[in-house]
Protein backbone atom coordinates (compact mmCIF):
# COMPACT_ATOMS: atom_id res chain seq x y z
CA MET A 1 146.93 -229.58 45.53
CA ASN A 2 146.98 -232.04 48.33
CA GLU A 3 144.93 -235.32 48.81
CA TYR A 4 142.25 -233.44 50.82
CA GLU A 5 141.75 -230.75 48.21
CA ALA A 6 141.57 -233.40 45.48
CA SER A 7 138.91 -235.26 47.38
CA LEU A 8 136.87 -232.07 47.66
CA VAL A 9 137.14 -231.62 43.87
CA ILE A 10 135.80 -235.20 43.35
CA LYS A 11 132.91 -234.50 45.89
CA SER A 12 131.95 -231.32 44.27
CA GLY A 13 132.10 -233.02 40.85
CA ALA A 14 129.83 -235.79 42.02
CA GLU A 15 127.34 -233.26 43.54
CA LEU A 16 127.29 -231.48 40.23
CA LEU A 17 126.69 -234.84 38.37
CA VAL A 18 123.83 -235.53 40.79
CA SER A 19 122.30 -232.17 40.07
CA ALA A 20 122.67 -232.47 36.24
CA SER A 21 121.34 -236.08 36.16
CA SER A 22 118.17 -235.15 38.10
CA ASP A 23 116.97 -233.21 34.97
CA PRO A 24 118.48 -234.99 32.08
CA ARG A 25 117.90 -233.17 28.84
CA SER A 26 118.49 -236.30 26.69
CA ASP A 27 120.51 -239.54 26.68
CA GLN A 28 123.01 -237.96 24.35
CA GLY A 29 126.46 -238.27 25.85
CA TYR A 30 125.41 -241.11 28.17
CA ALA A 31 128.12 -243.41 26.84
CA GLY A 32 130.65 -240.71 27.50
CA VAL A 33 129.32 -240.20 31.06
CA LYS A 34 129.59 -244.01 31.80
CA ALA A 35 133.34 -244.04 30.37
CA ASN A 36 134.20 -241.09 32.50
CA LEU A 37 132.58 -242.50 35.55
CA SER A 38 134.42 -245.83 34.91
CA LYS A 39 137.69 -244.10 34.58
CA ALA A 40 137.03 -241.96 37.63
CA LEU A 41 136.14 -245.06 39.77
CA GLU A 42 139.23 -246.86 38.56
CA LEU A 43 141.43 -243.84 39.59
CA MET A 44 139.71 -243.71 43.01
CA ALA A 45 140.47 -247.46 43.58
CA GLU A 46 144.07 -246.79 42.67
CA ALA A 47 144.19 -243.80 45.12
CA LEU A 48 142.58 -245.80 47.83
CA ALA A 49 145.15 -248.64 47.22
CA ASN A 50 147.86 -246.04 47.46
CA PHE A 51 146.57 -244.68 50.71
CA GLU A 52 146.33 -248.26 52.24
CA ALA A 53 149.85 -248.95 51.18
CA GLY A 54 151.12 -246.03 53.27
CA VAL A 55 149.21 -247.26 56.36
CA SER A 56 150.89 -249.73 58.64
CA GLY A 57 148.67 -252.80 59.67
CA PRO A 58 146.06 -254.71 57.62
CA SER A 59 144.39 -253.10 54.70
CA ARG A 60 140.89 -252.06 55.68
CA SER A 61 139.70 -251.17 52.21
CA THR A 62 140.74 -254.30 50.08
CA GLY A 63 137.01 -255.12 49.49
CA TRP A 64 136.20 -251.46 48.60
CA ILE A 65 138.94 -251.37 46.11
CA GLN A 66 137.74 -254.43 44.54
CA ASP A 67 134.13 -253.20 44.42
CA LEU A 68 135.25 -249.88 42.87
CA ARG A 69 137.21 -251.77 40.16
CA ARG A 70 134.15 -254.12 39.55
CA VAL A 71 131.83 -251.27 39.11
CA ALA A 72 134.23 -249.50 36.89
CA ASP A 73 134.57 -252.55 34.69
CA ASP A 74 130.71 -252.91 34.49
CA LEU A 75 130.27 -249.34 33.47
CA GLY A 76 133.04 -249.73 30.77
CA GLU A 77 131.33 -252.69 29.11
CA LYS A 78 129.43 -251.84 26.07
């Protein structure tokens, strides 16, 4: 799987999550959802940092990386 294919998996998963969350059955599992989203955001920040490291010139996404990590931390708090 390449980077583009992996990004399509992320997009599809996000679309499924939006669909599932539009008709929540209960709040069971909400802590797990938050933990999974937190981890996913942290990994996306890492991937974005990796992409930026491979591009010559100034990093265009430093702020986004910081924001992703900040949101991941907020979600991970109990």
